[in-house]
Amino acid sequence: RVTLGRAALVGLWFGGFQGLMPLAGWFLGSRFAAYITAVDHW
């Protein structure tokens, strides 16, 4: 049985992590951005 609550819970799990992971990646990438600016597009 699919309810709005179950669908929202699945959405919160996946949406939450899809929002947090690029933020974590940005923090990692910004630490090294100065060293690899010449090839960042690649």
PDB file of all heavy atoms in Angstrom:
ATOM      1  N   ARG A   1       0.858  -1.188   0.000  1.00  0.00           N
ATOM      2  CA  ARG A   1       0.000   0.000   0.000  1.00  0.00           C
ATOM      3  C   ARG A   1       0.896   1.239   0.000  1.00  0.00           C
ATOM      4  O   ARG A   1       1.732   1.402   0.873  1.00  0.00           O
ATOM      5  CB  ARG A   1      -0.897  -0.002   1.230  1.00  0.00           C
ATOM      6  CG  ARG A   1      -2.063   0.945   1.129  1.00  0.00           C
ATOM      7  CD  ARG A   1      -2.991   0.834   2.340  1.00  0.00           C
ATOM      8  NE  ARG A   1      -2.824   2.037   3.141  1.00  0.00           N
ATOM      9  CZ  ARG A   1      -2.303   2.091   4.351  1.00  0.00           C
ATOM     10  NH1 ARG A   1      -1.918   1.006   4.954  1.00  0.00           N
ATOM     11  NH2 ARG A   1      -2.183   3.225   4.985  1.00  0.00           N
ATOM     12  N   VAL A   2       0.745   2.102  -0.985  1.00  0.00           N
ATOM     13  CA  VAL A   2       1.521   3.330  -1.065  1.00  0.00           C
ATOM     14  C   VAL A   2       0.701   4.457  -0.457  1.00  0.00           C
ATOM     15  O   VAL A   2      -0.435   4.683  -0.843  1.00  0.00           O
ATOM     16  CB  VAL A   2       1.890   3.659  -2.529  1.00  0.00           C
ATOM     17  CG1 VAL A   2       2.529   5.025  -2.630  1.00  0.00           C
ATOM     18  CG2 VAL A   2       2.809   2.595  -3.094  1.00  0.00           C
ATOM     19  N   THR A   3       1.320   5.141   0.495  1.00  0.00           N
ATOM     20  CA  THR A   3       0.679   6.303   1.113  1.00  0.00           C
ATOM     21  C   THR A   3       1.548   7.531   0.842  1.00  0.00           C
ATOM     22  O   THR A   3       2.727   7.409   0.479  1.00  0.00           O
ATOM     23  CB  THR A   3       0.537   6.119   2.634  1.00  0.00           C
ATOM     24  OG1 THR A   3       1.841   6.059   3.213  1.00  0.00           O
ATOM     25  CG2 THR A   3      -0.265   4.866   2.971  1.00  0.00           C
ATOM     26  N   LEU A   4       0.975   8.692   1.049  1.00  0.00           N
ATOM     27  CA  LEU A   4       1.721   9.933   0.891  1.00  0.00           C
ATOM     28  C   LEU A   4       2.905   9.966   1.854  1.00  0.00           C
ATOM     29  O   LEU A   4       4.002  10.395   1.486  1.00  0.00           O
ATOM     30  CB  LEU A   4       0.798  11.138   1.116  1.00  0.00           C
ATOM     31  CG  LEU A   4       1.426  12.508   0.941  1.00  0.00           C
ATOM     32  CD1 LEU A   4       1.950  12.682  -0.481  1.00  0.00           C
ATOM     33  CD2 LEU A   4       0.420  13.599   1.266  1.00  0.00           C
ATOM     34  N   GLY A   5       2.715   9.480   3.059  1.00  0.00           N
ATOM     35  CA  GLY A   5       3.785   9.451   4.052  1.00  0.00           C
ATOM     36  C   GLY A   5       4.951   8.566   3.627  1.00  0.00           C
ATOM     37  O   GLY A   5       6.116   8.943   3.787  1.00  0.00           O
ATOM     38  N   ARG A   6       4.650   7.397   3.091  1.00  0.00           N
ATOM     39  CA  ARG A   6       5.716   6.491   2.625  1.00  0.00           C
ATOM     40  C   ARG A   6       6.458   7.090   1.443  1.00  0.00           C
ATOM     41  O   ARG A   6       7.681   7.020   1.362  1.00  0.00           O
ATOM     42  CB  ARG A   6       5.135   5.139   2.236  1.00  0.00           C
ATOM     43  CG  ARG A   6       4.732   4.287   3.402  1.00  0.00           C
ATOM     44  CD  ARG A   6       4.148   2.989   2.906  1.00  0.00           C
ATOM     45  NE  ARG A   6       3.967   2.053   4.006  1.00  0.00           N
ATOM     46  CZ  ARG A   6       3.531   0.833   3.853  1.00  0.00           C
ATOM     47  NH1 ARG A   6       3.224   0.376   2.644  1.00  0.00           N
ATOM     48  NH2 ARG A   6       3.381   0.030   4.884  1.00  0.00           N
ATOM     49  N   ALA A   7       5.724   7.665   0.515  1.00  0.00           N
ATOM     50  CA  ALA A   7       6.358   8.289  -0.648  1.00  0.00           C
ATOM     51  C   ALA A   7       7.231   9.463  -0.212  1.00  0.00           C
ATOM     52  O   ALA A   7       8.352   9.643  -0.711  1.00  0.00           O
ATOM     53  CB  ALA A   7       5.301   8.753  -1.650  1.00  0.00           C
ATOM     54  N   ALA A   8       6.735  10.259   0.743  1.00  0.00           N
ATOM     55  CA  ALA A   8       7.513  11.400   1.247  1.00  0.00           C
ATOM     56  C   ALA A   8       8.767  10.930   1.984  1.00  0.00           C
ATOM     57  O   ALA A   8       9.827  11.547   1.871  1.00  0.00           O
ATOM     58  CB  ALA A   8       6.647  12.263   2.159  1.00  0.00           C
ATOM     59  N   LEU A   9       8.666   9.840   2.733  1.00  0.00           N
ATOM     60  CA  LEU A   9       9.827   9.316   3.456  1.00  0.00           C
ATOM     61  C   LEU A   9      10.924   8.877   2.486  1.00  0.00           C
ATOM     62  O   LEU A   9      12.102   9.199   2.669  1.00  0.00           O
ATOM     63  CB  LEU A   9       9.419   8.149   4.358  1.00  0.00           C
ATOM     64  CG  LEU A   9      10.530   7.547   5.215  1.00  0.00           C
ATOM     65  CD1 LEU A   9      11.120   8.590   6.157  1.00  0.00           C
ATOM     66  CD2 LEU A   9       9.993   6.355   6.001  1.00  0.00           C
ATOM     67  N   VAL A  10      10.539   8.170   1.437  1.00  0.00           N
ATOM     68  CA  VAL A  10      11.505   7.768   0.410  1.00  0.00           C
ATOM     69  C   VAL A  10      12.110   9.020  -0.227  1.00  0.00           C
ATOM     70  O   VAL A  10      13.326   9.115  -0.417  1.00  0.00           O
ATOM     71  CB  VAL A  10      10.846   6.861  -0.649  1.00  0.00           C
ATOM     72  CG1 VAL A  10      11.779   6.618  -1.824  1.00  0.00           C
ATOM     73  CG2 VAL A  10      10.423   5.535  -0.022  1.00  0.00           C
ATOM     74  N   GLY A  11      11.271   9.998  -0.535  1.00  0.00           N
ATOM     75  CA  GLY A  11      11.749  11.254  -1.119  1.00  0.00           C
ATOM     76  C   GLY A  11      12.717  11.994  -0.207  1.00  0.00           C
ATOM     77  O   GLY A  11      13.714  12.544  -0.664  1.00  0.00           O
ATOM     78  N   LEU A  12      12.436  11.991   1.090  1.00  0.00           N
ATOM     79  CA  LEU A  12      13.329  12.659   2.048  1.00  0.00           C
ATOM     80  C   LEU A  12      14.691  11.980   2.109  1.00  0.00           C
ATOM     81  O   LEU A  12      15.724  12.659   2.145  1.00  0.00           O
ATOM     82  CB  LEU A  12      12.696  12.693   3.440  1.00  0.00           C
ATOM     83  CG  LEU A  12      11.624  13.741   3.644  1.00  0.00           C
ATOM     84  CD1 LEU A  12      10.935  13.556   5.001  1.00  0.00           C
ATOM     85  CD2 LEU A  12      12.209  15.147   3.534  1.00  0.00           C
ATOM     86  N   TRP A  13      14.708  10.664   2.158  1.00  0.00           N
ATOM     87  CA  TRP A  13      15.985   9.949   2.176  1.00  0.00           C
ATOM     88  C   TRP A  13      16.810  10.274   0.938  1.00  0.00           C
ATOM     89  O   TRP A  13      17.973  10.680   1.026  1.00  0.00           O
ATOM     90  CB  TRP A  13      15.758   8.438   2.258  1.00  0.00           C
ATOM     91  CG  TRP A  13      15.625   7.923   3.651  1.00  0.00           C
ATOM     92  CD1 TRP A  13      14.466   7.563   4.282  1.00  0.00           C
ATOM     93  CD2 TRP A  13      16.676   7.693   4.600  1.00  0.00           C
ATOM     94  NE1 TRP A  13      14.739   7.125   5.552  1.00  0.00           N
ATOM     95  CE2 TRP A  13      16.083   7.194   5.773  1.00  0.00           C
ATOM     96  CE3 TRP A  13      18.059   7.864   4.564  1.00  0.00           C
ATOM     97  CZ2 TRP A  13      16.825   6.867   6.906  1.00  0.00           C
ATOM     98  CZ3 TRP A  13      18.800   7.535   5.687  1.00  0.00           C
ATOM     99  CH2 TRP A  13      18.184   7.045   6.842  1.00  0.00           C
ATOM    100  N   PHE A  14      16.207  10.060  -0.230  1.00  0.00           N
ATOM    101  CA  PHE A  14      16.960  10.250  -1.473  1.00  0.00           C
ATOM    102  C   PHE A  14      17.260  11.724  -1.737  1.00  0.00           C
ATOM    103  O   PHE A  14      18.378  12.077  -2.122  1.00  0.00           O
ATOM    104  CB  PHE A  14      16.223   9.622  -2.651  1.00  0.00           C
ATOM    105  CG  PHE A  14      16.181   8.119  -2.593  1.00  0.00           C
ATOM    106  CD1 PHE A  14      15.059   7.430  -3.009  1.00  0.00           C
ATOM    107  CD2 PHE A  14      17.253   7.384  -2.125  1.00  0.00           C
ATOM    108  CE1 PHE A  14      15.012   6.046  -2.972  1.00  0.00           C
ATOM    109  CE2 PHE A  14      17.217   5.996  -2.075  1.00  0.00           C
ATOM    110  CZ  PHE A  14      16.091   5.328  -2.501  1.00  0.00           C
ATOM    111  N   GLY A  15      16.292  12.596  -1.533  1.00  0.00           N
ATOM    112  CA  GLY A  15      16.507  14.026  -1.750  1.00  0.00           C
ATOM    113  C   GLY A  15      17.522  14.604  -0.779  1.00  0.00           C
ATOM    114  O   GLY A  15      18.363  15.435  -1.161  1.00  0.00           O
ATOM    115  N   GLY A  16      17.461  14.161   0.468  1.00  0.00           N
ATOM    116  CA  GLY A  16      18.420  14.635   1.463  1.00  0.00           C
ATOM    117  C   GLY A  16      19.850  14.289   1.092  1.00  0.00           C
ATOM    118  O   GLY A  16      20.753  15.136   1.136  1.00  0.00           O
ATOM    119  N   PHE A  17      20.067  13.046   0.709  1.00  0.00           N
ATOM    120  CA  PHE A  17      21.423  12.635   0.353  1.00  0.00           C
ATOM    121  C   PHE A  17      21.872  13.234  -0.978  1.00  0.00           C
ATOM    122  O   PHE A  17      23.049  13.575  -1.126  1.00  0.00           O
ATOM    123  CB  PHE A  17      21.552  11.107   0.350  1.00  0.00           C
ATOM    124  CG  PHE A  17      21.904  10.581   1.704  1.00  0.00           C
ATOM    125  CD1 PHE A  17      20.928  10.376   2.666  1.00  0.00           C
ATOM    126  CD2 PHE A  17      23.220  10.316   2.035  1.00  0.00           C
ATOM    127  CE1 PHE A  17      21.255   9.916   3.927  1.00  0.00           C
ATOM    128  CE2 PHE A  17      23.560   9.853   3.299  1.00  0.00           C
ATOM    129  CZ  PHE A  17      22.572   9.651   4.247  1.00  0.00           C
ATOM    130  N   GLN A  18      20.945  13.394  -1.927  1.00  0.00           N
ATOM    131  CA  GLN A  18      21.329  14.020  -3.197  1.00  0.00           C
ATOM    132  C   GLN A  18      21.688  15.488  -2.988  1.00  0.00           C
ATOM    133  O   GLN A  18      22.428  16.057  -3.782  1.00  0.00           O
ATOM    134  CB  GLN A  18      20.205  13.925  -4.229  1.00  0.00           C
ATOM    135  CG  GLN A  18      20.022  12.564  -4.820  1.00  0.00           C
ATOM    136  CD  GLN A  18      21.084  12.164  -5.824  1.00  0.00           C
ATOM    137  OE1 GLN A  18      22.254  12.483  -5.687  1.00  0.00           O
ATOM    138  NE2 GLN A  18      20.668  11.443  -6.836  1.00  0.00           N
ATOM    139  N   GLY A  19      21.182  16.101  -1.943  1.00  0.00           N
ATOM    140  CA  GLY A  19      21.564  17.477  -1.620  1.00  0.00           C
ATOM    141  C   GLY A  19      22.850  17.555  -0.819  1.00  0.00           C
ATOM    142  O   GLY A  19      23.677  18.440  -1.037  1.00  0.00           O
ATOM    143  N   LEU A  20      23.048  16.613   0.104  1.00  0.00           N
ATOM    144  CA  LEU A  20      24.250  16.647   0.952  1.00  0.00           C
ATOM    145  C   LEU A  20      25.514  16.204   0.210  1.00  0.00           C
ATOM    146  O   LEU A  20      26.593  16.761   0.449  1.00  0.00           O
ATOM    147  CB  LEU A  20      24.051  15.752   2.177  1.00  0.00           C
ATOM    148  CG  LEU A  20      23.068  16.258   3.223  1.00  0.00           C
ATOM    149  CD1 LEU A  20      22.863  15.216   4.314  1.00  0.00           C
ATOM    150  CD2 LEU A  20      23.564  17.566   3.824  1.00  0.00           C
ATOM    151  N   MET A  21      25.412  15.226  -0.652  1.00  0.00           N
ATOM    152  CA  MET A  21      26.611  14.693  -1.308  1.00  0.00           C
ATOM    153  C   MET A  21      27.300  15.718  -2.215  1.00  0.00           C
ATOM    154  O   MET A  21      28.530  15.815  -2.176  1.00  0.00           O
ATOM    155  CB  MET A  21      26.283  13.419  -2.071  1.00  0.00           C
ATOM    156  CG  MET A  21      25.946  12.259  -1.149  1.00  0.00           C
ATOM    157  SD  MET A  21      27.316  11.801  -0.102  1.00  0.00           S
ATOM    158  CE  MET A  21      27.625  10.170  -0.723  1.00  0.00           C
ATOM    159  N   PRO A  22      26.588  16.503  -3.034  1.00  0.00           N
ATOM    160  CA  PRO A  22      27.330  17.493  -3.817  1.00  0.00           C
ATOM    161  C   PRO A  22      27.967  18.573  -2.939  1.00  0.00           C
ATOM    162  O   PRO A  22      29.017  19.105  -3.276  1.00  0.00           O
ATOM    163  CB  PRO A  22      26.297  18.091  -4.764  1.00  0.00           C
ATOM    164  CG  PRO A  22      24.993  17.538  -4.409  1.00  0.00           C
ATOM    165  CD  PRO A  22      25.188  16.450  -3.411  1.00  0.00           C
ATOM    166  N   LEU A  23      27.343  18.859  -1.811  1.00  0.00           N
ATOM    167  CA  LEU A  23      27.945  19.822  -0.886  1.00  0.00           C
ATOM    168  C   LEU A  23      29.256  19.270  -0.333  1.00  0.00           C
ATOM    169  O   LEU A  23      30.272  19.977  -0.293  1.00  0.00           O
ATOM    170  CB  LEU A  23      26.968  20.147   0.248  1.00  0.00           C
ATOM    171  CG  LEU A  23      27.402  21.230   1.226  1.00  0.00           C
ATOM    172  CD1 LEU A  23      27.618  22.552   0.502  1.00  0.00           C
ATOM    173  CD2 LEU A  23      26.360  21.385   2.329  1.00  0.00           C
ATOM    174  N   ALA A  24      29.254  18.010   0.047  1.00  0.00           N
ATOM    175  CA  ALA A  24      30.485  17.371   0.520  1.00  0.00           C
ATOM    176  C   ALA A  24      31.531  17.336  -0.598  1.00  0.00           C
ATOM    177  O   ALA A  24      32.719  17.602  -0.355  1.00  0.00           O
ATOM    178  CB  ALA A  24      30.190  15.954   1.008  1.00  0.00           C
ATOM    179  N   GLY A  25      31.117  17.029  -1.818  1.00  0.00           N
ATOM    180  CA  GLY A  25      32.031  17.028  -2.957  1.00  0.00           C
ATOM    181  C   GLY A  25      32.604  18.404  -3.221  1.00  0.00           C
ATOM    182  O   GLY A  25      33.793  18.552  -3.538  1.00  0.00           O
ATOM    183  N   TRP A  26      31.771  19.435  -3.091  1.00  0.00           N
ATOM    184  CA  TRP A  26      32.237  20.802  -3.279  1.00  0.00           C
ATOM    185  C   TRP A  26      33.305  21.153  -2.245  1.00  0.00           C
ATOM    186  O   TRP A  26      34.328  21.765  -2.589  1.00  0.00           O
ATOM    187  CB  TRP A  26      31.069  21.772  -3.199  1.00  0.00           C
ATOM    188  CG  TRP A  26      31.485  23.207  -3.312  1.00  0.00           C
ATOM    189  CD1 TRP A  26      31.768  23.884  -4.462  1.00  0.00           C
ATOM    190  CD2 TRP A  26      31.685  24.125  -2.245  1.00  0.00           C
ATOM    191  NE1 TRP A  26      32.132  25.164  -4.165  1.00  0.00           N
ATOM    192  CE2 TRP A  26      32.091  25.339  -2.808  1.00  0.00           C
ATOM    193  CE3 TRP A  26      31.564  24.032  -0.861  1.00  0.00           C
ATOM    194  CZ2 TRP A  26      32.368  26.470  -2.040  1.00  0.00           C
ATOM    195  CZ3 TRP A  26      31.845  25.140  -0.094  1.00  0.00           C
ATOM    196  CH2 TRP A  26      32.237  26.347  -0.682  1.00  0.00           C
ATOM    197  N   PHE A  27      33.079  20.777  -0.991  1.00  0.00           N
ATOM    198  CA  PHE A  27      34.089  21.029   0.046  1.00  0.00           C
ATOM    199  C   PHE A  27      35.407  20.341  -0.306  1.00  0.00           C
ATOM    200  O   PHE A  27      36.478  20.926  -0.187  1.00  0.00           O
ATOM    201  CB  PHE A  27      33.606  20.562   1.424  1.00  0.00           C
ATOM    202  CG  PHE A  27      32.706  21.537   2.111  1.00  0.00           C
ATOM    203  CD1 PHE A  27      31.420  21.164   2.467  1.00  0.00           C
ATOM    204  CD2 PHE A  27      33.123  22.822   2.404  1.00  0.00           C
ATOM    205  CE1 PHE A  27      30.569  22.055   3.093  1.00  0.00           C
ATOM    206  CE2 PHE A  27      32.291  23.730   3.031  1.00  0.00           C
ATOM    207  CZ  PHE A  27      31.003  23.347   3.389  1.00  0.00           C
ATOM    208  N   LEU A  28      35.341  19.096  -0.755  1.00  0.00           N
ATOM    209  CA  LEU A  28      36.554  18.376  -1.151  1.00  0.00           C
ATOM    210  C   LEU A  28      37.230  19.040  -2.350  1.00  0.00           C
ATOM    211  O   LEU A  28      38.447  19.264  -2.347  1.00  0.00           O
ATOM    212  CB  LEU A  28      36.228  16.922  -1.510  1.00  0.00           C
ATOM    213  CG  LEU A  28      35.904  15.984  -0.375  1.00  0.00           C
ATOM    214  CD1 LEU A  28      35.401  14.656  -0.933  1.00  0.00           C
ATOM    215  CD2 LEU A  28      37.132  15.759   0.491  1.00  0.00           C
ATOM    216  N   GLY A  29      36.441  19.337  -3.371  1.00  0.00           N
ATOM    217  CA  GLY A  29      36.989  19.935  -4.584  1.00  0.00           C
ATOM    218  C   GLY A  29      37.573  21.312  -4.361  1.00  0.00           C
ATOM    219  O   GLY A  29      38.604  21.663  -4.942  1.00  0.00           O
ATOM    220  N   SER A  30      36.951  22.108  -3.490  1.00  0.00           N
ATOM    221  CA  SER A  30      37.442  23.464  -3.261  1.00  0.00           C
ATOM    222  C   SER A  30      38.796  23.453  -2.540  1.00  0.00           C
ATOM    223  O   SER A  30      39.569  24.388  -2.679  1.00  0.00           O
ATOM    224  CB  SER A  30      36.415  24.283  -2.488  1.00  0.00           C
ATOM    225  OG  SER A  30      36.185  23.728  -1.215  1.00  0.00           O
ATOM    226  N   ARG A  31      39.096  22.396  -1.826  1.00  0.00           N
ATOM    227  CA  ARG A  31      40.403  22.270  -1.168  1.00  0.00           C
ATOM    228  C   ARG A  31      41.531  22.131  -2.186  1.00  0.00           C
ATOM    229  O   ARG A  31      42.649  22.533  -1.933  1.00  0.00           O
ATOM    230  CB  ARG A  31      40.430  21.053  -0.241  1.00  0.00           C
ATOM    231  CG  ARG A  31      39.492  21.141   0.911  1.00  0.00           C
ATOM    232  CD  ARG A  31      40.174  21.884   2.029  1.00  0.00           C
ATOM    233  NE  ARG A  31      39.373  21.802   3.223  1.00  0.00           N
ATOM    234  CZ  ARG A  31      39.035  22.872   3.927  1.00  0.00           C
ATOM    235  NH1 ARG A  31      39.438  24.058   3.559  1.00  0.00           N
ATOM    236  NH2 ARG A  31      38.312  22.741   5.003  1.00  0.00           N
ATOM    237  N   PHE A  32      41.212  21.521  -3.333  1.00  0.00           N
ATOM    238  CA  PHE A  32      42.242  21.243  -4.331  1.00  0.00           C
ATOM    239  C   PHE A  32      42.103  22.092  -5.592  1.00  0.00           C
ATOM    240  O   PHE A  32      42.910  21.957  -6.509  1.00  0.00           O
ATOM    241  CB  PHE A  32      42.190  19.754  -4.721  1.00  0.00           C
ATOM    242  CG  PHE A  32      42.360  18.842  -3.543  1.00  0.00           C
ATOM    243  CD1 PHE A  32      41.270  18.156  -3.025  1.00  0.00           C
ATOM    244  CD2 PHE A  32      43.589  18.682  -2.943  1.00  0.00           C
ATOM    245  CE1 PHE A  32      41.415  17.321  -1.926  1.00  0.00           C
ATOM    246  CE2 PHE A  32      43.750  17.854  -1.845  1.00  0.00           C
ATOM    247  CZ  PHE A  32      42.656  17.171  -1.349  1.00  0.00           C
ATOM    248  N   ALA A  33      41.105  22.967  -5.638  1.00  0.00           N
ATOM    249  CA  ALA A  33      40.830  23.735  -6.855  1.00  0.00           C
ATOM    250  C   ALA A  33      42.027  24.567  -7.307  1.00  0.00           C
ATOM    251  O   ALA A  33      42.319  24.639  -8.505  1.00  0.00           O
ATOM    252  CB  ALA A  33      39.613  24.631  -6.642  1.00  0.00           C
ATOM    253  N   ALA A  34      42.738  25.176  -6.387  1.00  0.00           N
ATOM    254  CA  ALA A  34      43.870  26.031  -6.753  1.00  0.00           C
ATOM    255  C   ALA A  34      44.979  25.245  -7.451  1.00  0.00           C
ATOM    256  O   ALA A  34      45.701  25.791  -8.277  1.00  0.00           O
ATOM    257  CB  ALA A  34      44.421  26.708  -5.507  1.00  0.00           C
ATOM    258  N   TYR A  35      45.086  23.966  -7.138  1.00  0.00           N
ATOM    259  CA  TYR A  35      46.162  23.149  -7.700  1.00  0.00           C
ATOM    260  C   TYR A  35      45.856  22.606  -9.093  1.00  0.00           C
ATOM    261  O   TYR A  35      46.771  22.238  -9.817  1.00  0.00           O
ATOM    262  CB  TYR A  35      46.474  21.970  -6.772  1.00  0.00           C
ATOM    263  CG  TYR A  35      46.858  22.408  -5.381  1.00  0.00           C
ATOM    264  CD1 TYR A  35      45.999  22.196  -4.317  1.00  0.00           C
ATOM    265  CD2 TYR A  35      48.058  23.047  -5.141  1.00  0.00           C
ATOM    266  CE1 TYR A  35      46.331  22.608  -3.038  1.00  0.00           C
ATOM    267  CE2 TYR A  35      48.402  23.472  -3.869  1.00  0.00           C
ATOM    268  CZ  TYR A  35      47.530  23.249  -2.813  1.00  0.00           C
ATOM    269  OH  TYR A  35      47.863  23.663  -1.560  1.00  0.00           O
ATOM    270  N   ILE A  36      44.580  22.551  -9.431  1.00  0.00           N
ATOM    271  CA  ILE A  36      44.231  21.911 -10.699  1.00  0.00           C
ATOM    272  C   ILE A  36      43.363  22.789 -11.598  1.00  0.00           C
ATOM    273  O   ILE A  36      42.677  22.294 -12.478  1.00  0.00           O
ATOM    274  CB  ILE A  36      43.533  20.553 -10.441  1.00  0.00           C
ATOM    275  CG1 ILE A  36      42.377  20.696  -9.472  1.00  0.00           C
ATOM    276  CG2 ILE A  36      44.501  19.521  -9.968  1.00  0.00           C
ATOM    277  CD1 ILE A  36      41.642  19.415  -9.215  1.00  0.00           C
ATOM    278  N   THR A  37      43.445  24.092 -11.425  1.00  0.00           N
ATOM    279  CA  THR A  37      42.636  25.009 -12.213  1.00  0.00           C
ATOM    280  C   THR A  37      42.877  24.854 -13.711  1.00  0.00           C
ATOM    281  O   THR A  37      41.948  24.992 -14.508  1.00  0.00           O
ATOM    282  CB  THR A  37      42.913  26.468 -11.789  1.00  0.00           C
ATOM    283  OG1 THR A  37      42.639  26.583 -10.394  1.00  0.00           O
ATOM    284  CG2 THR A  37      42.059  27.450 -12.553  1.00  0.00           C
ATOM    285  N   ALA A  38      44.107  24.552 -14.109  1.00  0.00           N
ATOM    286  CA  ALA A  38      44.419  24.441 -15.534  1.00  0.00           C
ATOM    287  C   ALA A  38      43.694  23.285 -16.212  1.00  0.00           C
ATOM    288  O   ALA A  38      43.489  23.315 -17.424  1.00  0.00           O
ATOM    289  CB  ALA A  38      45.928  24.289 -15.723  1.00  0.00           C
ATOM    290  N   VAL A  39      43.308  22.274 -15.455  1.00  0.00           N
ATOM    291  CA  VAL A  39      42.660  21.095 -16.051  1.00  0.00           C
ATOM    292  C   VAL A  39      41.264  20.841 -15.483  1.00  0.00           C
ATOM    293  O   VAL A  39      40.695  19.784 -15.714  1.00  0.00           O
ATOM    294  CB  VAL A  39      43.534  19.828 -15.876  1.00  0.00           C
ATOM    295  CG1 VAL A  39      44.815  19.940 -16.670  1.00  0.00           C
ATOM    296  CG2 VAL A  39      43.800  19.544 -14.410  1.00  0.00           C
ATOM    297  N   ASP A  40      40.714  21.831 -14.776  1.00  0.00           N
ATOM    298  CA  ASP A  40      39.424  21.620 -14.120  1.00  0.00           C
ATOM    299  C   ASP A  40      38.315  21.263 -15.087  1.00  0.00           C
ATOM    300  O   ASP A  40      37.459  20.435 -14.785  1.00  0.00           O
ATOM    301  CB  ASP A  40      39.032  22.827 -13.271  1.00  0.00           C
ATOM    302  CG  ASP A  40      38.906  24.112 -14.070  1.00  0.00           C
ATOM    303  OD1 ASP A  40      39.152  24.101 -15.303  1.00  0.00           O
ATOM    304  OD2 ASP A  40      38.567  25.140 -13.456  1.00  0.00           O
ATOM    305  N   HIS A  41      38.310  21.852 -16.278  1.00  0.00           N
ATOM    306  CA  HIS A  41      37.267  21.558 -17.269  1.00  0.00           C
ATOM    307  C   HIS A  41      37.361  20.108 -17.729  1.00  0.00           C
ATOM    308  O   HIS A  41      36.348  19.465 -17.976  1.00  0.00           O
ATOM    309  CB  HIS A  41      37.371  22.521 -18.453  1.00  0.00           C
ATOM    310  CG  HIS A  41      38.726  22.546 -19.076  1.00  0.00           C
ATOM    311  ND1 HIS A  41      39.785  23.198 -18.481  1.00  0.00           N
ATOM    312  CD2 HIS A  41      39.190  21.990 -20.211  1.00  0.00           C
ATOM    313  CE1 HIS A  41      40.858  23.042 -19.244  1.00  0.00           C
ATOM    314  NE2 HIS A  41      40.526  22.313 -20.294  1.00  0.00           N
ATOM    315  N   TRP A  42      38.574  19.577 -17.837  1.00  0.00           N
ATOM    316  CA  TRP A  42      38.750  18.179 -18.222  1.00  0.00           C
ATOM    317  C   TRP A  42      38.269  17.257 -17.103  1.00  0.00           C
ATOM    318  O   TRP A  42      37.689  16.201 -17.375  1.00  0.00           O
ATOM    319  CB  TRP A  42      40.215  17.881 -18.557  1.00  0.00           C
ATOM    320  CG  TRP A  42      40.644  18.488 -19.852  1.00  0.00           C
ATOM    321  CD1 TRP A  42      41.423  19.600 -20.016  1.00  0.00           C
ATOM    322  CD2 TRP A  42      40.293  18.056 -21.160  1.00  0.00           C
ATOM    323  NE1 TRP A  42      41.577  19.871 -21.353  1.00  0.00           N
ATOM    324  CE2 TRP A  42      40.893  18.939 -22.078  1.00  0.00           C
ATOM    325  CE3 TRP A  42      39.516  17.003 -21.643  1.00  0.00           C
ATOM    326  CZ2 TRP A  42      40.755  18.796 -23.444  1.00  0.00           C
ATOM    327  CZ3 TRP A  42      39.387  16.864 -23.024  1.00  0.00           C
ATOM    328  CH2 TRP A  42      39.996  17.751 -23.905  1.00  0.00           C
TER     329      TRP A  42
END
